[in-house]
Every structure is written in structure tokens, then in C-alpha cells.
Amino acid sequence: MTTARRTRGFTLMSVMVALSMLAIGLLALAKVQSSLVKTQRDTDLRSVALSVARSYVEDVRSRDPWTLVSEAPVKVDLQGRVAAAGPLTRRTTVTADSGNLLRITVQIDYPGQTQPVQLITMAYRG
């Protein structure tokens, strides 16, 4: 009867091993979850930066090509409006490629970036 009682149920050691394995699995899951949240935040911010860049490119293209000049970096908010405490930095570079053809580069830097958002368009001074 003593032998039957010993083989029934779990030992303390098997319970400890199972709890250890569960804890390791939960820690790995938590690490993956935090990585996913960070990636989602970065993706959202990159999408906003791209939207701000597109909007500003359209604004620049609507101007008279003879008045286009490079602009110093300026802080902007998430809607693209100039704001001293804005999380994004916008810079515009205008270079003459050949003759009256201009290359306009709008670059948006944002926190935590791997590389900035950069849009390039051309304008002709006719």
C-alpha cells in the first residue's frame, strides 16, 4: 500500500520544474509583446512622418519655382505645423540639377528612427 501511495500524484520536484518552464515561457512572451508594441509605435510614427512629408511636398510644388530655396531644419508637430516642441524635424533642400530643373528634397527626422523619411520631387522653372 505504501508503494501505491508514493506513485500517485506529482512530486515537489516535478511541480518546481513545471513552474520554472512556465515562468520562462511567460517571460519570453512578455519580451515578444514589448518588442511588438515598440515596432508598432515606430511604424505609426513613420507613417505620420510620411504623411507630413507628402503634405509639405505638395505645398512646395504649389509655389512659384523661382522663389524656391532650401530651408533650415525646423521642428514640426504631427500635423506638420511649425512647433517649437514638435517631435518631428523637417528640412527642405533645393538644388539646381541642370538648367532650370530643380530637385526638391523634403526630409523628416523623427525620434527612434532607423532612417529618416525622404521624398524627392522635381520642378521646372519655365
N, C-alpha and C. Protein backbone atom coordinates (compact mmCIF):
# COMPACT_ATOMS: atom_id res chain seq x y z
N MET A 1 0.80 -1.18 0.00
CA MET A 1 0.00 0.00 0.00
C MET A 1 0.86 1.27 0.00
N THR A 2 1.97 1.23 0.64
CA THR A 2 2.86 2.38 0.68
C THR A 2 3.40 2.71 -0.71
N THR A 3 3.71 1.71 -1.52
CA THR A 3 4.21 1.95 -2.87
C THR A 3 3.15 2.60 -3.74
N ALA A 4 1.92 2.19 -3.62
CA ALA A 4 0.86 2.76 -4.45
C ALA A 4 0.65 4.24 -4.11
N ARG A 5 0.79 4.55 -2.86
CA ARG A 5 0.59 5.92 -2.44
C ARG A 5 1.73 6.83 -2.95
N ARG A 6 2.95 6.31 -3.04
CA ARG A 6 4.09 7.08 -3.50
C ARG A 6 4.01 7.42 -4.98
N THR A 7 3.49 6.56 -5.80
CA THR A 7 3.47 6.79 -7.24
C THR A 7 2.31 7.65 -7.69
N ARG A 8 1.38 7.88 -6.83
CA ARG A 8 0.24 8.70 -7.16
C ARG A 8 0.59 10.18 -7.03
N GLY A 9 0.14 11.04 -8.01
CA GLY A 9 0.32 12.49 -7.90
C GLY A 9 1.68 12.96 -8.38
N PHE A 10 1.97 14.24 -8.10
CA PHE A 10 3.20 14.87 -8.55
C PHE A 10 4.15 15.04 -7.36
N THR A 11 5.44 15.00 -7.68
CA THR A 11 6.43 15.28 -6.64
C THR A 11 6.68 16.77 -6.61
N LEU A 12 7.25 17.22 -5.54
CA LEU A 12 7.58 18.64 -5.41
C LEU A 12 8.55 19.05 -6.51
N MET A 13 9.47 18.17 -6.85
CA MET A 13 10.46 18.49 -7.88
C MET A 13 9.79 18.67 -9.24
N SER A 14 8.86 17.83 -9.61
CA SER A 14 8.20 17.96 -10.92
C SER A 14 7.34 19.23 -10.97
N VAL A 15 6.74 19.62 -9.86
CA VAL A 15 5.97 20.86 -9.81
C VAL A 15 6.90 22.06 -9.98
N MET A 16 8.07 22.04 -9.34
CA MET A 16 9.03 23.13 -9.46
C MET A 16 9.54 23.26 -10.90
N VAL A 17 9.84 22.14 -11.54
CA VAL A 17 10.30 22.16 -12.94
C VAL A 17 9.21 22.72 -13.84
N ALA A 18 7.98 22.31 -13.64
CA ALA A 18 6.87 22.80 -14.45
C ALA A 18 6.67 24.30 -14.27
N LEU A 19 6.75 24.78 -13.03
CA LEU A 19 6.61 26.21 -12.77
C LEU A 19 7.76 27.00 -13.37
N SER A 20 8.96 26.46 -13.33
CA SER A 20 10.12 27.13 -13.93
C SER A 20 9.93 27.26 -15.44
N MET A 21 9.48 26.17 -16.08
CA MET A 21 9.25 26.20 -17.51
C MET A 21 8.15 27.20 -17.88
N LEU A 22 7.12 27.26 -17.08
CA LEU A 22 6.04 28.21 -17.31
C LEU A 22 6.54 29.64 -17.16
N ALA A 23 7.35 29.90 -16.16
CA ALA A 23 7.89 31.24 -15.94
C ALA A 23 8.77 31.66 -17.11
N ILE A 24 9.61 30.78 -17.61
CA ILE A 24 10.48 31.09 -18.75
C ILE A 24 9.62 31.39 -19.98
N GLY A 25 8.59 30.60 -20.20
CA GLY A 25 7.69 30.84 -21.34
C GLY A 25 6.98 32.17 -21.24
N LEU A 26 6.52 32.52 -20.04
CA LEU A 26 5.83 33.80 -19.86
C LEU A 26 6.77 34.98 -20.02
N LEU A 27 8.01 34.85 -19.58
CA LEU A 27 8.99 35.92 -19.77
C LEU A 27 9.29 36.12 -21.25
N ALA A 28 9.43 35.03 -22.00
CA ALA A 28 9.66 35.14 -23.44
C ALA A 28 8.47 35.80 -24.13
N LEU A 29 7.28 35.46 -23.72
CA LEU A 29 6.07 36.05 -24.29
C LEU A 29 6.01 37.55 -23.98
N ALA A 30 6.38 37.93 -22.78
CA ALA A 30 6.39 39.35 -22.41
C ALA A 30 7.40 40.12 -23.24
N LYS A 31 8.57 39.53 -23.48
CA LYS A 31 9.59 40.19 -24.29
C LYS A 31 9.11 40.38 -25.72
N VAL A 32 8.48 39.38 -26.29
CA VAL A 32 7.95 39.49 -27.65
C VAL A 32 6.87 40.56 -27.70
N GLN A 33 6.02 40.60 -26.71
CA GLN A 33 4.94 41.59 -26.67
C GLN A 33 5.50 43.00 -26.62
N SER A 34 6.51 43.24 -25.80
CA SER A 34 7.09 44.58 -25.71
C SER A 34 7.77 44.96 -27.02
N SER A 35 8.39 44.00 -27.67
CA SER A 35 9.01 44.25 -28.97
C SER A 35 7.96 44.62 -30.01
N LEU A 36 6.82 43.93 -29.99
CA LEU A 36 5.74 44.24 -30.93
C LEU A 36 5.16 45.63 -30.69
N VAL A 37 5.03 46.02 -29.44
CA VAL A 37 4.50 47.34 -29.11
C VAL A 37 5.45 48.43 -29.61
N LYS A 38 6.76 48.24 -29.41
CA LYS A 38 7.75 49.20 -29.88
C LYS A 38 7.74 49.30 -31.40
N THR A 39 7.67 48.17 -32.08
CA THR A 39 7.63 48.16 -33.54
C THR A 39 6.38 48.87 -34.06
N GLN A 40 5.26 48.64 -33.42
CA GLN A 40 4.02 49.30 -33.82
C GLN A 40 4.11 50.81 -33.64
N ARG A 41 4.69 51.25 -32.53
CA ARG A 41 4.86 52.68 -32.28
C ARG A 41 5.75 53.32 -33.34
N ASP A 42 6.87 52.64 -33.66
CA ASP A 42 7.78 53.15 -34.69
C ASP A 42 7.09 53.21 -36.05
N THR A 43 6.31 52.20 -36.37
CA THR A 43 5.59 52.17 -37.64
C THR A 43 4.57 53.30 -37.72
N ASP A 44 3.85 53.53 -36.64
CA ASP A 44 2.88 54.62 -36.60
C ASP A 44 3.56 55.97 -36.80
N LEU A 45 4.68 56.18 -36.13
CA LEU A 45 5.39 57.46 -36.24
C LEU A 45 5.96 57.64 -37.64
N ARG A 46 6.45 56.57 -38.24
CA ARG A 46 6.97 56.65 -39.62
C ARG A 46 5.84 56.99 -40.58
N SER A 47 4.67 56.43 -40.37
CA SER A 47 3.51 56.72 -41.21
C SER A 47 3.12 58.19 -41.10
N VAL A 48 3.14 58.73 -39.89
CA VAL A 48 2.83 60.15 -39.68
C VAL A 48 3.88 61.01 -40.36
N ALA A 49 5.16 60.64 -40.22
CA ALA A 49 6.24 61.41 -40.85
C ALA A 49 6.08 61.40 -42.38
N LEU A 50 5.69 60.28 -42.95
CA LEU A 50 5.48 60.20 -44.39
C LEU A 50 4.32 61.10 -44.81
N SER A 51 3.26 61.13 -44.03
CA SER A 51 2.12 61.98 -44.33
C SER A 51 2.51 63.46 -44.28
N VAL A 52 3.29 63.84 -43.27
CA VAL A 52 3.75 65.22 -43.15
C VAL A 52 4.64 65.58 -44.35
N ALA A 53 5.52 64.68 -44.74
CA ALA A 53 6.41 64.92 -45.88
C ALA A 53 5.61 65.09 -47.17
N ARG A 54 4.64 64.21 -47.40
CA ARG A 54 3.81 64.32 -48.61
C ARG A 54 3.07 65.65 -48.67
N SER A 55 2.50 66.03 -47.55
CA SER A 55 1.76 67.28 -47.48
C SER A 55 2.67 68.46 -47.79
N TYR A 56 3.88 68.44 -47.24
CA TYR A 56 4.78 69.57 -47.46
C TYR A 56 5.31 69.59 -48.89
N VAL A 57 5.54 68.44 -49.47
CA VAL A 57 5.97 68.39 -50.87
C VAL A 57 4.90 69.04 -51.76
N GLU A 58 3.64 68.72 -51.50
CA GLU A 58 2.56 69.33 -52.28
C GLU A 58 2.52 70.84 -52.07
N ASP A 59 2.77 71.28 -50.85
CA ASP A 59 2.80 72.71 -50.57
C ASP A 59 3.93 73.38 -51.33
N VAL A 60 5.11 72.78 -51.32
CA VAL A 60 6.27 73.35 -52.02
C VAL A 60 6.02 73.37 -53.52
N ARG A 61 5.44 72.31 -54.07
CA ARG A 61 5.19 72.25 -55.52
C ARG A 61 4.16 73.28 -55.97
N SER A 62 3.33 73.75 -55.06
CA SER A 62 2.32 74.76 -55.44
C SER A 62 2.92 76.17 -55.48
N ARG A 63 4.13 76.33 -55.01
CA ARG A 63 4.78 77.65 -55.01
C ARG A 63 5.39 77.96 -56.38
N ASP A 64 5.72 79.23 -56.56
CA ASP A 64 6.40 79.66 -57.78
C ASP A 64 7.82 79.07 -57.76
N PRO A 65 8.22 78.33 -58.80
CA PRO A 65 9.55 77.69 -58.81
C PRO A 65 10.70 78.67 -58.68
N TRP A 66 10.51 79.93 -59.08
CA TRP A 66 11.59 80.91 -58.98
C TRP A 66 11.83 81.37 -57.55
N THR A 67 10.90 81.07 -56.66
CA THR A 67 11.05 81.51 -55.26
C THR A 67 11.53 80.38 -54.34
N LEU A 68 11.72 79.18 -54.89
CA LEU A 68 12.09 78.04 -54.05
C LEU A 68 13.55 78.14 -53.61
N VAL A 69 13.75 77.96 -52.32
CA VAL A 69 15.10 77.94 -51.74
C VAL A 69 15.14 76.85 -50.66
N SER A 70 16.34 76.41 -50.32
CA SER A 70 16.49 75.44 -49.23
C SER A 70 16.07 76.08 -47.92
N GLU A 71 15.55 75.25 -47.02
CA GLU A 71 15.09 75.74 -45.72
C GLU A 71 15.87 75.03 -44.62
N ALA A 72 16.18 75.76 -43.57
CA ALA A 72 16.88 75.18 -42.42
C ALA A 72 15.95 74.19 -41.72
N PRO A 73 16.52 73.25 -40.97
CA PRO A 73 15.67 72.31 -40.21
C PRO A 73 14.76 73.06 -39.24
N VAL A 74 13.52 72.61 -39.16
CA VAL A 74 12.54 73.23 -38.28
C VAL A 74 11.73 72.13 -37.60
N LYS A 75 11.40 72.33 -36.33
CA LYS A 75 10.58 71.37 -35.58
C LYS A 75 9.13 71.53 -35.99
N VAL A 76 8.44 70.41 -36.22
CA VAL A 76 7.02 70.44 -36.58
C VAL A 76 6.27 69.42 -35.73
N ASP A 77 4.96 69.67 -35.58
CA ASP A 77 4.14 68.73 -34.83
C ASP A 77 3.67 67.60 -35.75
N LEU A 78 2.80 66.74 -35.25
CA LEU A 78 2.37 65.57 -36.02
C LEU A 78 1.43 65.92 -37.16
N GLN A 79 0.98 67.18 -37.24
CA GLN A 79 0.17 67.63 -38.37
C GLN A 79 1.01 68.42 -39.37
N GLY A 80 2.29 68.61 -39.08
CA GLY A 80 3.18 69.32 -40.00
C GLY A 80 3.27 70.81 -39.74
N ARG A 81 2.61 71.29 -38.69
CA ARG A 81 2.68 72.72 -38.36
C ARG A 81 3.94 72.99 -37.54
N VAL A 82 4.56 74.14 -37.80
CA VAL A 82 5.77 74.52 -37.06
C VAL A 82 5.43 74.63 -35.58
N ALA A 83 6.21 73.93 -34.75
CA ALA A 83 6.01 73.93 -33.29
C ALA A 83 7.36 73.73 -32.62
N ALA A 84 7.69 74.60 -31.69
CA ALA A 84 9.00 74.55 -31.03
C ALA A 84 9.25 73.22 -30.35
N ALA A 85 8.21 72.60 -29.82
CA ALA A 85 8.37 71.33 -29.09
C ALA A 85 7.91 70.14 -29.94
N GLY A 86 7.83 70.31 -31.24
CA GLY A 86 7.36 69.24 -32.10
C GLY A 86 8.30 68.04 -32.11
N PRO A 87 7.77 66.84 -32.26
CA PRO A 87 8.60 65.63 -32.24
C PRO A 87 9.31 65.36 -33.57
N LEU A 88 8.90 66.04 -34.63
CA LEU A 88 9.49 65.81 -35.95
C LEU A 88 10.35 66.99 -36.36
N THR A 89 11.36 66.72 -37.18
CA THR A 89 12.20 67.78 -37.72
C THR A 89 12.12 67.72 -39.24
N ARG A 90 11.73 68.84 -39.85
CA ARG A 90 11.58 68.90 -41.31
C ARG A 90 12.69 69.77 -41.89
N ARG A 91 13.31 69.29 -42.97
CA ARG A 91 14.29 70.09 -43.68
C ARG A 91 14.01 69.98 -45.17
N THR A 92 14.23 71.05 -45.88
CA THR A 92 13.99 71.08 -47.32
C THR A 92 15.26 71.54 -48.01
N THR A 93 15.65 70.79 -49.03
CA THR A 93 16.84 71.12 -49.81
C THR A 93 16.43 71.29 -51.26
N VAL A 94 16.79 72.44 -51.84
CA VAL A 94 16.51 72.71 -53.25
C VAL A 94 17.85 72.86 -53.96
N THR A 95 18.05 72.01 -54.97
CA THR A 95 19.29 72.08 -55.74
C THR A 95 18.95 72.15 -57.22
N ALA A 96 19.75 72.90 -57.97
CA ALA A 96 19.57 73.00 -59.42
C ALA A 96 20.30 71.83 -60.06
N ASP A 97 19.56 70.94 -60.72
CA ASP A 97 20.19 69.79 -61.37
C ASP A 97 20.84 70.19 -62.69
N SER A 98 20.07 70.76 -63.57
CA SER A 98 20.62 71.23 -64.85
C SER A 98 19.70 72.29 -65.41
N GLY A 99 20.29 73.41 -65.78
CA GLY A 99 19.47 74.49 -66.34
C GLY A 99 18.42 74.94 -65.36
N ASN A 100 17.16 74.81 -65.77
CA ASN A 100 16.05 75.27 -64.95
C ASN A 100 15.35 74.14 -64.20
N LEU A 101 15.98 72.98 -64.13
CA LEU A 101 15.39 71.84 -63.43
C LEU A 101 15.86 71.82 -61.97
N LEU A 102 14.91 71.81 -61.05
CA LEU A 102 15.22 71.81 -59.62
C LEU A 102 14.90 70.46 -59.00
N ARG A 103 15.76 70.01 -58.11
CA ARG A 103 15.49 68.82 -57.30
C ARG A 103 15.13 69.31 -55.90
N ILE A 104 13.93 68.94 -55.45
CA ILE A 104 13.43 69.36 -54.15
C ILE A 104 13.37 68.13 -53.26
N THR A 105 14.10 68.16 -52.15
CA THR A 105 14.13 67.05 -51.20
C THR A 105 13.54 67.50 -49.88
N VAL A 106 12.51 66.79 -49.44
CA VAL A 106 11.91 67.05 -48.13
C VAL A 106 12.24 65.86 -47.25
N GLN A 107 12.90 66.13 -46.13
CA GLN A 107 13.31 65.07 -45.21
C GLN A 107 12.68 65.31 -43.85
N ILE A 108 12.12 64.24 -43.29
CA ILE A 108 11.51 64.31 -41.96
C ILE A 108 12.28 63.36 -41.04
N ASP A 109 12.87 63.92 -39.99
CA ASP A 109 13.53 63.12 -38.96
C ASP A 109 12.56 62.96 -37.80
N TYR A 110 12.53 61.77 -37.22
CA TYR A 110 11.63 61.52 -36.10
C TYR A 110 12.36 60.69 -35.06
N PRO A 111 11.93 60.73 -33.79
CA PRO A 111 12.63 60.03 -32.72
C PRO A 111 12.59 58.51 -32.91
N GLY A 112 13.68 57.86 -32.58
CA GLY A 112 13.74 56.40 -32.67
C GLY A 112 13.85 55.88 -34.08
N GLN A 113 14.26 56.74 -35.00
CA GLN A 113 14.29 56.35 -36.41
C GLN A 113 15.45 55.42 -36.74
N THR A 114 15.22 54.58 -37.72
CA THR A 114 16.33 53.82 -38.29
C THR A 114 16.88 54.58 -39.48
N GLN A 115 16.00 55.23 -40.21
CA GLN A 115 16.40 56.17 -41.26
C GLN A 115 15.26 57.16 -41.46
N PRO A 116 15.58 58.40 -41.86
CA PRO A 116 14.54 59.41 -41.98
C PRO A 116 13.66 59.16 -43.21
N VAL A 117 12.48 59.78 -43.20
CA VAL A 117 11.61 59.76 -44.36
C VAL A 117 12.10 60.85 -45.30
N GLN A 118 12.30 60.49 -46.56
CA GLN A 118 12.82 61.45 -47.52
C GLN A 118 12.04 61.33 -48.82
N LEU A 119 11.46 62.44 -49.26
CA LEU A 119 10.74 62.49 -50.54
C LEU A 119 11.45 63.46 -51.46
N ILE A 120 11.58 63.06 -52.72
CA ILE A 120 12.25 63.88 -53.72
C ILE A 120 11.28 64.14 -54.87
N THR A 121 11.21 65.38 -55.30
CA THR A 121 10.38 65.73 -56.45
C THR A 121 11.19 66.72 -57.31
N MET A 122 10.73 66.92 -58.51
CA MET A 122 11.41 67.81 -59.44
C MET A 122 10.47 68.95 -59.80
N ALA A 123 11.03 70.12 -60.09
CA ALA A 123 10.26 71.28 -60.53
C ALA A 123 11.02 71.95 -61.66
N TYR A 124 10.29 72.47 -62.60
CA TYR A 124 10.92 73.14 -63.75
C TYR A 124 10.60 74.61 -63.71
N ARG A 125 11.64 75.43 -63.83
CA ARG A 125 11.46 76.87 -63.91
C ARG A 125 11.31 77.23 -65.39
N GLY A 126 10.08 77.45 -65.80
CA GLY A 126 9.85 77.69 -67.24
C GLY A 126 9.54 79.10 -67.58
